[in-house]
Amino acid sequence: MSSESVLHIKASKSVLTFAAKNGGKVSIKDLQLKALWGYCWLHGLSYIETFLAVMELLLKKIVSDVIDHEDLNIEYRVIANDTLEKANQIEVIFNNIRADDVEFHVLGDIIFQGEDNRGFIRKITSFRRSVDENIQNVL
């Protein structure tokens, strides 16, 4: 049996499944996207910023289920083809997830792609507003 610590992310139509494995312990949690989008709409919250905050808390929970740790260091990159609220394509690429001194190997990244309802001018000038930033958090 492999002693490698692994985080696996799987997407289906409206659910993201996050799974953490460390030794013989496994934790699996689902994130219902339609419920999250509905909550954001109802309360006027930013969709992507809320998603990122919920994703970080979910990662903290599943890693806590498989390994005791003080700090969870999460480093990921967010790439969007426009501002986060107007983009029709957003990628979340995981660079590093570490619980104290245990590094998790991440299998899977997240890509949101939707219908492009932006106007012609907004599309051709979106390179000025595109997002490509690294985010590092300690939870």
C-alpha atoms as a PDB file:
ATOM      1  CA  MET A   1       0.000   0.000   0.000  1.00  0.00           C
ATOM      2  CA  SER A   2       1.346   3.431  -0.952  1.00  0.00           C
ATOM      3  CA  SER A   3       2.008   5.887   1.863  1.00  0.00           C
ATOM      4  CA  GLU A   4       1.766   8.851  -0.525  1.00  0.00           C
ATOM      5  CA  SER A   5      -0.674  11.582   0.502  1.00  0.00           C
ATOM      6  CA  VAL A   6      -3.069  12.360  -2.336  1.00  0.00           C
ATOM      7  CA  LEU A   7      -5.858  14.850  -3.050  1.00  0.00           C
ATOM      8  CA  HIS A   8      -8.146  13.931  -5.921  1.00  0.00           C
ATOM      9  CA  ILE A   9     -10.628  16.319  -7.543  1.00  0.00           C
ATOM     10  CA  LYS A  10     -13.367  14.978  -9.797  1.00  0.00           C
ATOM     11  CA  ALA A  11     -16.070  16.934 -11.596  1.00  0.00           C
ATOM     12  CA  SER A  12     -19.439  15.789 -12.797  1.00  0.00           C
ATOM     13  CA  LYS A  13     -22.316  17.851 -14.193  1.00  0.00           C
ATOM     14  CA  SER A  14     -23.078  19.903 -11.076  1.00  0.00           C
ATOM     15  CA  VAL A  15     -20.900  18.373  -8.353  1.00  0.00           C
ATOM     16  CA  LEU A  16     -17.219  18.639  -7.502  1.00  0.00           C
ATOM     17  CA  THR A  17     -15.912  15.738  -5.441  1.00  0.00           C
ATOM     18  CA  PHE A  18     -12.834  16.260  -3.299  1.00  0.00           C
ATOM     19  CA  ALA A  19     -11.085  13.229  -1.822  1.00  0.00           C
ATOM     20  CA  ALA A  20      -8.038  13.111   0.446  1.00  0.00           C
ATOM     21  CA  LYS A  21      -6.007   9.995   1.196  1.00  0.00           C
ATOM     22  CA  ASN A  22      -3.155   9.623   3.640  1.00  0.00           C
ATOM     23  CA  GLY A  23      -1.978   6.110   4.452  1.00  0.00           C
ATOM     24  CA  GLY A  24      -5.114   4.097   5.162  1.00  0.00           C
ATOM     25  CA  LYS A  25      -7.379   7.084   5.892  1.00  0.00           C
ATOM     26  CA  VAL A  26      -9.711   8.526   3.262  1.00  0.00           C
ATOM     27  CA  SER A  27     -12.104  11.478   3.339  1.00  0.00           C
ATOM     28  CA  ILE A  28     -14.534  12.346   0.540  1.00  0.00           C
ATOM     29  CA  LYS A  29     -16.737  15.449   0.340  1.00  0.00           C
ATOM     30  CA  ASP A  30     -18.987  16.769  -2.419  1.00  0.00           C
ATOM     31  CA  LEU A  31     -19.547  20.404  -3.324  1.00  0.00           C
ATOM     32  CA  GLN A  32     -22.983  20.950  -4.889  1.00  0.00           C
ATOM     33  CA  LEU A  33     -22.403  23.755  -7.381  1.00  0.00           C
ATOM     34  CA  LYS A  34     -26.062  24.553  -8.135  1.00  0.00           C
ATOM     35  CA  ALA A  35     -26.754  25.070  -4.438  1.00  0.00           C
ATOM     36  CA  LEU A  36     -23.668  27.282  -4.110  1.00  0.00           C
ATOM     37  CA  TRP A  37     -24.590  29.373  -7.180  1.00  0.00           C
ATOM     38  CA  GLY A  38     -28.149  29.742  -5.872  1.00  0.00           C
ATOM     39  CA  TYR A  39     -26.881  30.908  -2.478  1.00  0.00           C
ATOM     40  CA  CYS A  40     -24.585  33.460  -4.159  1.00  0.00           C
ATOM     41  CA  TRP A  41     -27.427  34.731  -6.342  1.00  0.00           C
ATOM     42  CA  LEU A  42     -29.844  35.005  -3.411  1.00  0.00           C
ATOM     43  CA  HIS A  43     -27.382  36.942  -1.236  1.00  0.00           C
ATOM     44  CA  GLY A  44     -25.692  38.964  -3.996  1.00  0.00           C
ATOM     45  CA  LEU A  45     -22.275  37.395  -3.402  1.00  0.00           C
ATOM     46  CA  SER A  46     -19.401  37.108  -5.835  1.00  0.00           C
ATOM     47  CA  TYR A  47     -19.651  33.641  -7.403  1.00  0.00           C
ATOM     48  CA  ILE A  48     -15.970  32.854  -7.885  1.00  0.00           C
ATOM     49  CA  GLU A  49     -14.679  34.453  -4.691  1.00  0.00           C
ATOM     50  CA  THR A  50     -17.324  32.567  -2.701  1.00  0.00           C
ATOM     51  CA  PHE A  51     -16.448  29.342  -4.518  1.00  0.00           C
ATOM     52  CA  LEU A  52     -12.739  29.770  -3.711  1.00  0.00           C
ATOM     53  CA  ALA A  53     -13.468  30.406  -0.021  1.00  0.00           C
ATOM     54  CA  VAL A  54     -15.756  27.343   0.203  1.00  0.00           C
ATOM     55  CA  MET A  55     -13.216  25.213  -1.696  1.00  0.00           C
ATOM     56  CA  GLU A  56     -10.451  26.181   0.765  1.00  0.00           C
ATOM     57  CA  LEU A  57     -12.642  25.305   3.759  1.00  0.00           C
ATOM     58  CA  LEU A  58     -13.592  21.991   2.162  1.00  0.00           C
ATOM     59  CA  LEU A  59      -9.927  21.172   1.537  1.00  0.00           C
ATOM     60  CA  LYS A  60      -9.136  22.023   5.172  1.00  0.00           C
ATOM     61  CA  LYS A  61     -11.924  19.671   6.328  1.00  0.00           C
ATOM     62  CA  ILE A  62     -10.930  16.653   4.223  1.00  0.00           C
ATOM     63  CA  VAL A  63      -7.232  17.018   5.019  1.00  0.00           C
ATOM     64  CA  SER A  64      -8.082  17.326   8.743  1.00  0.00           C
ATOM     65  CA  ASP A  65     -10.017  14.066   8.455  1.00  0.00           C
ATOM     66  CA  VAL A  66      -6.942  12.142   7.243  1.00  0.00           C
ATOM     67  CA  ILE A  67      -4.052  13.809   9.090  1.00  0.00           C
ATOM     68  CA  ASP A  68      -3.676  15.853  12.264  1.00  0.00           C
ATOM     69  CA  HIS A  69      -1.942  19.123  11.500  1.00  0.00           C
ATOM     70  CA  GLU A  70      -1.487  22.690  12.720  1.00  0.00           C
ATOM     71  CA  ASP A  71      -1.292  24.586   9.406  1.00  0.00           C
ATOM     72  CA  LEU A  72      -2.595  23.779   5.955  1.00  0.00           C
ATOM     73  CA  ASN A  73      -0.701  25.670   3.260  1.00  0.00           C
ATOM     74  CA  ILE A  74      -2.645  25.969   0.021  1.00  0.00           C
ATOM     75  CA  GLU A  75      -1.129  27.466  -3.111  1.00  0.00           C
ATOM     76  CA  TYR A  76      -3.076  27.640  -6.343  1.00  0.00           C
ATOM     77  CA  ARG A  77      -3.307  29.718  -9.491  1.00  0.00           C
ATOM     78  CA  VAL A  78      -6.490  31.316 -10.856  1.00  0.00           C
ATOM     79  CA  ILE A  79      -6.590  32.093 -14.581  1.00  0.00           C
ATOM     80  CA  ALA A  80      -9.581  33.844 -16.187  1.00  0.00           C
ATOM     81  CA  ASN A  81     -10.127  35.301 -19.650  1.00  0.00           C
ATOM     82  CA  ASP A  82     -11.754  38.459 -18.178  1.00  0.00           C
ATOM     83  CA  THR A  83     -12.547  39.787 -14.698  1.00  0.00           C
ATOM     84  CA  LEU A  84     -13.672  37.003 -12.377  1.00  0.00           C
ATOM     85  CA  GLU A  85     -17.328  38.082 -12.563  1.00  0.00           C
ATOM     86  CA  LYS A  86     -17.442  38.492 -16.365  1.00  0.00           C
ATOM     87  CA  ALA A  87     -15.171  35.642 -17.502  1.00  0.00           C
ATOM     88  CA  ASN A  88     -16.669  32.661 -19.277  1.00  0.00           C
ATOM     89  CA  GLN A  89     -13.597  30.491 -18.647  1.00  0.00           C
ATOM     90  CA  ILE A  90     -11.840  30.156 -15.288  1.00  0.00           C
ATOM     91  CA  GLU A  91      -9.143  27.666 -14.314  1.00  0.00           C
ATOM     92  CA  VAL A  92      -7.963  26.778 -10.814  1.00  0.00           C
ATOM     93  CA  ILE A  93      -4.578  25.043 -10.930  1.00  0.00           C
ATOM     94  CA  PHE A  94      -3.202  23.598  -7.695  1.00  0.00           C
ATOM     95  CA  ASN A  95       0.524  24.154  -7.181  1.00  0.00           C
ATOM     96  CA  ASN A  96       1.048  22.953  -3.622  1.00  0.00           C
ATOM     97  CA  ILE A  97      -1.011  21.679  -0.706  1.00  0.00           C
ATOM     98  CA  ARG A  98       0.921  20.911   2.454  1.00  0.00           C
ATOM     99  CA  ALA A  99      -0.292  19.935   5.930  1.00  0.00           C
ATOM    100  CA  ASP A 100       2.587  20.896   8.224  1.00  0.00           C
ATOM    101  CA  ASP A 101       5.453  18.887   6.669  1.00  0.00           C
ATOM    102  CA  VAL A 102       3.311  16.444   4.631  1.00  0.00           C
ATOM    103  CA  GLU A 103       2.857  17.398   0.984  1.00  0.00           C
ATOM    104  CA  PHE A 104      -0.237  16.204  -0.856  1.00  0.00           C
ATOM    105  CA  HIS A 105      -0.015  15.167  -4.485  1.00  0.00           C
ATOM    106  CA  VAL A 106      -2.976  16.782  -6.279  1.00  0.00           C
ATOM    107  CA  LEU A 107      -4.757  14.912  -9.064  1.00  0.00           C
ATOM    108  CA  GLY A 108      -7.060  17.199 -11.022  1.00  0.00           C
ATOM    109  CA  ASP A 109      -7.580  20.887 -11.547  1.00  0.00           C
ATOM    110  CA  ILE A 110     -10.836  22.813 -11.874  1.00  0.00           C
ATOM    111  CA  ILE A 111     -12.049  24.455 -15.084  1.00  0.00           C
ATOM    112  CA  PHE A 112     -15.299  26.387 -15.338  1.00  0.00           C
ATOM    113  CA  GLN A 113     -16.427  27.137 -18.853  1.00  0.00           C
ATOM    114  CA  GLY A 114     -19.738  28.670 -19.766  1.00  0.00           C
ATOM    115  CA  GLU A 115     -21.523  30.422 -22.580  1.00  0.00           C
ATOM    116  CA  ASP A 116     -19.799  33.616 -23.662  1.00  0.00           C
ATOM    117  CA  ASN A 117     -22.401  36.379 -23.376  1.00  0.00           C
ATOM    118  CA  ARG A 118     -19.889  39.216 -23.493  1.00  0.00           C
ATOM    119  CA  GLY A 119     -20.266  41.825 -26.197  1.00  0.00           C
ATOM    120  CA  PHE A 120     -17.848  42.122 -29.110  1.00  0.00           C
ATOM    121  CA  ILE A 121     -15.881  45.050 -27.646  1.00  0.00           C
ATOM    122  CA  ARG A 122     -15.619  43.368 -24.246  1.00  0.00           C
ATOM    123  CA  LYS A 123     -14.322  40.177 -25.888  1.00  0.00           C
ATOM    124  CA  ILE A 124     -11.593  41.874 -27.907  1.00  0.00           C
ATOM    125  CA  THR A 125     -10.443  44.038 -24.987  1.00  0.00           C
ATOM    126  CA  SER A 126     -10.648  41.328 -22.311  1.00  0.00           C
ATOM    127  CA  PHE A 127      -6.886  40.689 -22.429  1.00  0.00           C
ATOM    128  CA  ARG A 128      -6.537  43.954 -20.460  1.00  0.00           C
ATOM    129  CA  ARG A 129      -8.731  42.632 -17.661  1.00  0.00           C
ATOM    130  CA  SER A 130      -7.757  38.970 -17.696  1.00  0.00           C
ATOM    131  CA  VAL A 131      -6.776  37.429 -14.371  1.00  0.00           C
ATOM    132  CA  ASP A 132      -3.693  35.296 -13.745  1.00  0.00           C
ATOM    133  CA  GLU A 133      -2.807  35.299 -10.069  1.00  0.00           C
ATOM    134  CA  ASN A 134      -1.260  32.991  -7.522  1.00  0.00           C
ATOM    135  CA  ILE A 135      -3.089  32.627  -4.238  1.00  0.00           C
ATOM    136  CA  GLN A 136      -1.386  31.372  -1.085  1.00  0.00           C
ATOM    137  CA  ASN A 137      -3.300  30.809   2.135  1.00  0.00           C
ATOM    138  CA  VAL A 138      -2.509  29.222   5.460  1.00  0.00           C
ATOM    139  CA  LEU A 139      -5.559  27.713   7.155  1.00  0.00           C
END
